[in-house]
Amino acid sequence: MILSIESSCDDSSIAITDIETNELIYHKKISQELQHSVYGGVVPELAARLHVEALPKILQECEEYFSKLKAIAVTTAPGLSVTLMEGVTMAKALAISLNLPLISVNHLKGHIYSLFIQKDEVLPMTILLVSGGHTQIIRANGLNDMEVIATTMDDSFGESFDKVAKMLGLGYPGGPVVQEYGLKGDENRFDFPVPLRQSPNIEFSYSGLKNAVRMQILKLEESENGITQQDKYDICASFQKTAVTHIMQKLKKYFKVNPPKNFAIVGGASANIYLRKEIDDICAKYDAKLYLSELKYCADNAAMIGRVAVEQYKLNDFSDIENIDIQTRVKKL
């Protein structure tokens, strides 16, 4: 078995995965959403302190499996440096004390392999990765053969939801609450500009849309009646429609030239129902098979890290314990 650790942001998680069967033997995650919600976003130093408390508590539940472990895996990139370090420190200690090899896992590959938790991998595949830090189209031919086809120029899809929620005082994380508010709103009330509508390039941008929402909120707040609850519902609905429309316009350009046989959406923001519906429609149009992670594995978790680690273990892809590096960003997969 492989014990995997995830601490790239604000989720403390440990999993144990069977190498031969891909079976998820154990998995637990402790979220920090409540502690960060008062700040409207993740506070790195607070997240690191909470990892120090949570990870050892989870690890205690795993001691019965220590004798069966063949390796320790840990997220090393990308993520917040102070939180990544907490997971890496624990992984090093375990690897040394149990005399086991250490596997360094790319967090983005983890999201891709969340599709294959307790399953065999299905590659090649084209993937849309949408999270709080990334918006990318990735062509994955194999574990070590992945290419980023398109990415965001500034804010990510998930981050824009968090920012809109913060501007409206709706708390953190923003994705679920904006989606919930959008269900009660008129998505056609506010005509927010679709980013890069006229650009022929397949790339993403959310800073302009975020600013347009900010200006509309200020306008409503300065009006005679102020901003109402229905205004908030309508802003969320209109923003969500525009944010998803932007992705779909770029995907349609990509599908037209490179229609994929297999397509997937992964990452924390892939849980958005509005986006899933639009993706389902375009896949049906182009006869592409759509793969989705279970909702419980969309956000950061150690189960997806363990699933990648199984493949790396089979390739003897181990890291030097003394020289393992963490990275806040990665240039390639």
Protein backbone atom coordinates (compact mmCIF):
# COMPACT_ATOMS: atom_id res chain seq x y z
CA MET A 1 0.00 0.00 0.00
CA ILE A 2 0.96 3.66 -0.41
CA LEU A 3 0.23 6.34 2.16
CA SER A 4 -0.38 9.72 0.52
CA ILE A 5 -0.50 13.21 2.02
CA GLU A 6 -2.18 16.33 0.61
CA SER A 7 -1.61 19.81 2.08
CA SER A 8 -1.26 22.11 -0.93
CA CYS A 9 -3.81 24.63 0.34
CA ASP A 10 -6.52 24.47 3.00
CA ASP A 11 -7.42 20.77 3.09
CA SER A 12 -5.54 18.35 5.35
CA SER A 13 -5.86 14.87 3.89
CA ILE A 14 -4.28 11.43 4.10
CA ALA A 15 -5.15 8.32 2.10
CA ILE A 16 -3.96 4.74 1.76
CA THR A 17 -4.20 3.06 -1.65
CA ASP A 18 -3.62 -0.56 -2.63
CA ILE A 19 -0.94 -0.76 -5.32
CA GLU A 20 -2.23 -3.86 -7.11
CA THR A 21 -5.97 -3.16 -7.14
CA ASN A 22 -6.13 0.68 -6.91
CA GLU A 23 -8.54 0.15 -4.01
CA LEU A 24 -8.86 3.11 -1.66
CA ILE A 25 -8.26 1.47 1.71
CA TYR A 26 -8.48 4.60 3.84
CA HIS A 27 -9.24 8.26 3.17
CA LYS A 28 -9.89 11.22 5.42
CA LYS A 29 -9.94 14.95 4.84
CA ILE A 30 -10.28 17.80 7.32
CA SER A 31 -11.40 21.05 5.69
CA GLN A 32 -10.42 24.50 6.94
CA GLU A 33 -13.25 26.33 5.18
CA LEU A 34 -14.89 27.52 8.40
CA GLN A 35 -11.69 29.04 9.78
CA HIS A 36 -10.88 30.88 6.53
CA SER A 37 -14.43 32.00 5.72
CA VAL A 38 -14.21 34.98 8.09
CA TYR A 39 -11.36 36.34 5.96
CA GLY A 40 -13.06 35.74 2.62
CA GLY A 41 -10.22 33.52 1.41
CA VAL A 42 -7.32 31.32 2.45
CA VAL A 43 -4.76 32.84 4.84
CA PRO A 44 -1.56 30.83 4.18
CA GLU A 45 -0.02 31.10 7.66
CA LEU A 46 -3.30 30.10 9.32
CA ALA A 47 -3.65 27.18 6.91
CA ALA A 48 -0.15 25.96 7.79
CA ARG A 49 -0.90 26.06 11.53
CA LEU A 50 -4.12 24.13 11.02
CA HIS A 51 -2.26 21.47 9.02
CA VAL A 52 0.10 21.04 11.97
CA GLU A 53 -2.92 20.21 14.13
CA ALA A 54 -4.93 18.12 11.67
CA LEU A 55 -2.41 15.93 9.86
CA PRO A 56 -1.06 14.12 12.97
CA LYS A 57 -4.63 13.42 14.12
CA ILE A 58 -5.44 11.77 10.80
CA LEU A 59 -2.15 9.88 10.75
CA GLN A 60 -2.91 8.23 14.09
CA GLU A 61 -5.82 6.45 12.42
CA CYS A 62 -3.43 4.96 9.84
CA GLU A 63 -0.93 3.27 12.15
CA GLU A 64 -2.47 -0.18 11.67
CA TYR A 65 -1.45 -0.05 7.99
CA PHE A 66 2.20 0.99 8.52
CA SER A 67 3.54 -2.56 8.21
CA LYS A 68 1.95 -2.93 4.78
CA LEU A 69 3.25 0.30 3.30
CA LYS A 70 5.63 0.23 0.34
CA ALA A 71 6.03 4.01 -0.12
CA ILE A 72 5.05 7.45 1.14
CA ALA A 73 3.62 9.96 -1.36
CA VAL A 74 3.13 13.69 -0.90
CA THR A 75 2.03 16.70 -2.91
CA THR A 76 5.04 18.91 -3.66
CA ALA A 77 3.70 21.27 -6.34
CA PRO A 78 1.92 23.49 -7.08
CA GLY A 79 0.49 25.07 -3.95
CA LEU A 80 1.17 27.42 -1.05
CA SER A 81 4.78 27.00 0.09
CA VAL A 82 4.01 27.13 3.82
CA THR A 83 1.27 24.50 3.57
CA LEU A 84 3.14 22.22 1.17
CA MET A 85 6.03 22.20 3.62
CA GLU A 86 3.84 20.75 6.39
CA GLY A 87 2.92 17.75 4.25
CA VAL A 88 6.47 17.28 2.99
CA THR A 89 7.88 17.42 6.53
CA MET A 90 5.52 14.67 7.65
CA ALA A 91 6.25 12.59 4.53
CA LYS A 92 10.00 12.83 5.09
CA ALA A 93 9.68 11.80 8.73
CA LEU A 94 7.55 8.78 7.78
CA ALA A 95 9.82 7.74 4.93
CA ILE A 96 12.90 7.87 7.16
CA SER A 97 11.35 6.22 10.22
CA LEU A 98 9.69 3.42 8.22
CA ASN A 99 12.62 3.10 5.77
CA LEU A 100 10.37 3.64 2.74
CA PRO A 101 10.88 5.45 -0.58
CA LEU A 102 9.30 8.86 -1.09
CA ILE A 103 7.14 9.77 -4.09
CA SER A 104 6.78 13.44 -5.08
CA VAL A 105 3.39 14.08 -6.70
CA ASN A 106 2.27 16.93 -8.94
CA HIS A 107 -1.03 18.25 -7.57
CA LEU A 108 -2.46 18.89 -11.05
CA LYS A 109 -1.79 15.30 -12.08
CA GLY A 110 -3.62 14.40 -8.90
CA HIS A 111 -6.73 16.19 -10.13
CA ILE A 112 -6.50 14.33 -13.44
CA TYR A 113 -6.14 10.99 -11.67
CA SER A 114 -9.13 11.78 -9.46
CA LEU A 115 -10.99 10.38 -12.47
CA PHE A 116 -9.37 6.99 -11.84
CA ILE A 117 -9.73 6.56 -8.07
CA GLN A 118 -10.42 2.83 -7.56
CA LYS A 119 -10.36 2.42 -11.36
CA ASP A 120 -7.88 1.78 -14.16
CA GLU A 121 -6.60 4.84 -15.99
CA VAL A 122 -8.15 5.76 -19.34
CA LEU A 123 -5.69 7.66 -21.52
CA PRO A 124 -5.23 9.47 -23.89
CA MET A 125 -7.75 12.09 -22.85
CA THR A 126 -8.34 15.82 -23.16
CA ILE A 127 -9.07 17.50 -19.83
CA LEU A 128 -10.45 20.81 -18.65
CA LEU A 129 -8.94 21.56 -15.23
CA VAL A 130 -10.83 24.27 -13.33
CA SER A 131 -9.94 25.13 -9.75
CA GLY A 132 -9.19 28.02 -7.44
CA GLY A 133 -5.73 28.35 -8.93
CA HIS A 134 -5.98 27.01 -12.49
CA THR A 135 -8.02 27.07 -15.66
CA GLN A 136 -6.36 24.83 -18.24
CA ILE A 137 -7.00 22.57 -21.17
CA ILE A 138 -4.61 19.62 -20.94
CA ARG A 139 -3.90 16.85 -23.42
CA ALA A 140 -2.90 13.79 -21.41
CA ASN A 141 -1.41 10.90 -23.37
CA GLY A 142 0.15 9.23 -20.35
CA LEU A 143 1.37 9.86 -16.82
CA ASN A 144 4.55 11.54 -18.03
CA ASP A 145 3.23 12.74 -21.38
CA MET A 146 0.93 15.68 -20.70
CA GLU A 147 0.74 19.04 -22.47
CA VAL A 148 -1.01 22.22 -21.38
CA ILE A 149 -2.88 23.42 -24.47
CA ALA A 150 -4.43 26.54 -22.96
CA THR A 151 -4.35 28.37 -19.65
CA THR A 152 -5.58 31.55 -18.00
CA MET A 153 -3.84 34.88 -18.49
CA ASP A 154 -4.77 36.07 -15.00
CA ASP A 155 -7.50 34.87 -12.61
CA SER A 156 -8.82 31.32 -12.68
CA PHE A 157 -12.42 30.16 -13.09
CA GLY A 158 -12.67 29.06 -9.45
CA GLU A 159 -10.89 32.14 -8.13
CA SER A 160 -13.36 34.43 -9.90
CA PHE A 161 -16.25 32.73 -8.06
CA ASP A 162 -14.44 33.28 -4.76
CA LYS A 163 -13.86 36.96 -5.58
CA VAL A 164 -17.48 37.57 -6.57
CA ALA A 165 -18.68 35.89 -3.39
CA LYS A 166 -16.33 38.07 -1.34
CA MET A 167 -17.53 41.25 -3.05
CA LEU A 168 -21.12 40.30 -2.21
CA GLY A 169 -20.23 39.32 1.36
CA LEU A 170 -21.27 35.70 0.83
CA GLY A 171 -18.29 34.03 2.48
CA TYR A 172 -15.73 31.44 1.40
CA PRO A 173 -15.51 29.23 -0.61
CA GLY A 174 -17.40 31.12 -3.27
CA GLY A 175 -18.16 28.38 -5.78
CA PRO A 176 -20.99 26.60 -3.94
CA VAL A 177 -22.66 29.76 -2.63
CA VAL A 178 -22.57 31.60 -5.99
CA GLN A 179 -24.05 28.51 -7.64
CA GLU A 180 -26.78 28.35 -4.97
CA TYR A 181 -27.60 32.05 -5.28
CA GLY A 182 -27.62 31.72 -9.06
CA LEU A 183 -30.47 29.21 -8.88
CA LYS A 184 -32.71 31.98 -7.53
CA GLY A 185 -31.57 34.66 -9.96
CA ASP A 186 -32.19 35.94 -13.49
CA GLU A 187 -29.09 35.07 -15.52
CA ASN A 188 -30.08 37.54 -18.24
CA ARG A 189 -30.56 40.60 -16.05
CA PHE A 190 -26.96 41.81 -16.19
CA ASP A 191 -25.13 41.71 -19.51
CA PHE A 192 -21.58 41.14 -18.30
CA PRO A 193 -18.91 41.07 -21.04
CA VAL A 194 -17.68 37.63 -22.10
CA PRO A 195 -13.86 37.74 -21.86
CA LEU A 196 -11.83 37.45 -25.07
CA ARG A 197 -14.98 37.03 -27.15
CA GLN A 198 -13.32 38.37 -30.29
CA SER A 199 -9.93 36.73 -29.76
CA PRO A 200 -9.17 33.73 -31.99
CA ASN A 201 -6.73 32.39 -29.39
CA ILE A 202 -7.69 29.54 -27.09
CA GLU A 203 -6.90 31.07 -23.70
CA PHE A 204 -8.78 32.30 -20.66
CA SER A 205 -9.09 35.51 -18.64
CA TYR A 206 -11.33 36.42 -15.72
CA SER A 207 -9.95 39.72 -14.39
CA GLY A 208 -12.12 41.83 -16.72
CA LEU A 209 -15.29 39.95 -15.86
CA LYS A 210 -14.51 40.21 -12.16
CA ASN A 211 -14.09 43.99 -12.51
CA ALA A 212 -17.36 44.30 -14.42
CA VAL A 213 -19.16 42.56 -11.57
CA ARG A 214 -17.44 44.84 -9.06
CA MET A 215 -18.61 47.94 -10.94
CA GLN A 216 -22.19 46.64 -11.08
CA ILE A 217 -22.17 45.95 -7.34
CA LEU A 218 -20.92 49.47 -6.61
CA LYS A 219 -23.61 50.93 -8.86
CA LEU A 220 -26.33 49.04 -7.02
CA GLU A 221 -24.92 49.90 -3.61
CA GLU A 222 -24.96 53.59 -4.49
CA SER A 223 -28.53 53.47 -5.80
CA GLU A 224 -31.50 54.83 -3.86
CA ASN A 225 -32.61 51.41 -2.62
CA GLY A 226 -29.14 49.92 -2.21
CA ILE A 227 -28.32 46.36 -3.20
CA THR A 228 -31.15 43.93 -2.48
CA GLN A 229 -31.13 40.18 -1.93
CA GLN A 230 -32.66 39.67 -5.38
CA ASP A 231 -29.90 41.83 -6.86
CA LYS A 232 -27.36 39.41 -5.35
CA TYR A 233 -29.20 36.42 -6.78
CA ASP A 234 -29.28 38.05 -10.24
CA ILE A 235 -25.61 39.06 -10.12
CA CYS A 236 -24.58 35.51 -9.23
CA ALA A 237 -26.73 34.02 -11.98
CA SER A 238 -25.52 36.49 -14.61
CA PHE A 239 -21.88 36.14 -13.58
CA GLN A 240 -22.02 32.33 -13.58
CA LYS A 241 -23.61 32.29 -17.03
CA THR A 242 -20.89 34.59 -18.41
CA ALA A 243 -18.03 32.74 -16.70
CA VAL A 244 -19.18 29.43 -18.17
CA THR A 245 -19.95 30.96 -21.58
CA HIS A 246 -16.32 32.12 -21.77
CA ILE A 247 -15.05 28.57 -21.21
CA MET A 248 -17.52 27.11 -23.67
CA GLN A 249 -16.63 29.57 -26.43
CA LYS A 250 -12.98 28.56 -26.17
CA LEU A 251 -13.78 24.86 -25.91
CA LYS A 252 -15.93 25.05 -29.04
CA LYS A 253 -12.94 26.47 -30.92
CA TYR A 254 -10.78 23.65 -29.65
CA PHE A 255 -13.32 20.89 -30.33
CA LYS A 256 -13.85 22.15 -33.87
CA VAL A 257 -10.18 21.64 -34.73
CA ASN A 258 -9.28 18.80 -32.33
CA PRO A 259 -12.41 16.79 -31.48
CA PRO A 260 -11.41 14.50 -28.58
CA LYS A 261 -12.51 10.91 -28.19
CA ASN A 262 -12.34 11.14 -24.40
CA PHE A 263 -12.94 14.36 -22.46
CA ALA A 264 -13.06 15.18 -18.75
CA ILE A 265 -13.45 18.09 -16.34
CA VAL A 266 -11.53 17.97 -13.07
CA GLY A 267 -10.61 20.26 -10.18
CA GLY A 268 -12.60 21.82 -7.37
CA ALA A 269 -14.64 24.04 -9.69
CA SER A 270 -15.60 21.06 -11.87
CA ALA A 271 -18.38 20.44 -9.33
CA ASN A 272 -20.27 23.41 -10.82
CA ILE A 273 -23.53 21.99 -12.17
CA TYR A 274 -24.00 24.76 -14.76
CA LEU A 275 -20.57 24.00 -16.26
CA ARG A 276 -21.16 20.24 -16.18
CA LYS A 277 -24.40 20.65 -18.15
CA GLU A 278 -22.71 22.72 -20.87
CA ILE A 279 -19.78 20.28 -21.09
CA ASP A 280 -22.18 17.37 -21.35
CA ASP A 281 -23.91 19.07 -24.29
CA ILE A 282 -20.74 19.74 -26.27
CA CYS A 283 -19.45 16.21 -25.69
CA ALA A 284 -22.75 14.81 -26.98
CA LYS A 285 -22.50 17.01 -30.06
CA TYR A 286 -18.99 15.78 -30.89
CA ASP A 287 -19.60 12.20 -29.75
CA ALA A 288 -16.90 12.45 -27.08
CA LYS A 289 -17.12 10.26 -24.00
CA LEU A 290 -17.32 12.44 -20.89
CA TYR A 291 -15.50 11.45 -17.70
CA LEU A 292 -16.28 13.09 -14.36
CA SER A 293 -14.79 12.69 -10.90
CA GLU A 294 -17.13 11.84 -8.08
CA LEU A 295 -18.16 15.10 -6.42
CA LYS A 296 -16.38 14.11 -3.19
CA TYR A 297 -13.08 13.87 -5.09
CA CYS A 298 -13.35 17.12 -7.10
CA ALA A 299 -11.75 19.28 -4.42
CA ASP A 300 -8.22 18.69 -3.08
CA ASN A 301 -7.80 15.29 -1.46
CA ALA A 302 -5.15 12.66 -0.73
CA ALA A 303 -7.01 9.90 -2.57
CA MET A 304 -6.15 11.48 -5.92
CA ILE A 305 -2.52 11.92 -4.84
CA GLY A 306 -2.37 8.26 -3.89
CA ARG A 307 -3.80 7.23 -7.26
CA VAL A 308 -1.03 9.07 -9.10
CA ALA A 309 1.53 7.63 -6.70
CA VAL A 310 0.50 4.08 -7.62
CA GLU A 311 1.47 4.73 -11.24
CA GLN A 312 4.74 6.41 -10.21
CA TYR A 313 5.56 3.50 -7.90
CA LYS A 314 5.21 1.04 -10.78
CA LEU A 315 7.74 3.14 -12.71
CA ASN A 316 10.13 3.36 -9.73
CA ASP A 317 9.68 7.13 -9.86
CA PHE A 318 11.01 8.00 -6.40
CA SER A 319 12.49 11.22 -5.00
CA ASP A 320 15.64 11.90 -3.02
CA ILE A 321 14.43 12.54 0.53
CA GLU A 322 17.22 15.01 1.21
CA ASN A 323 16.64 17.09 -1.93
CA ILE A 324 12.89 17.03 -2.42
CA ASP A 325 11.65 20.42 -3.63
CA ILE A 326 8.34 22.22 -3.26
CA GLN A 327 7.07 24.60 -5.92
CA THR A 328 4.32 27.18 -5.74
CA ARG A 329 3.87 26.95 -9.52
CA VAL A 330 4.82 24.46 -12.20
CA LYS A 331 5.67 25.26 -15.80
CA LYS A 332 4.83 21.86 -17.18
CA LEU A 333 3.16 18.60 -16.14
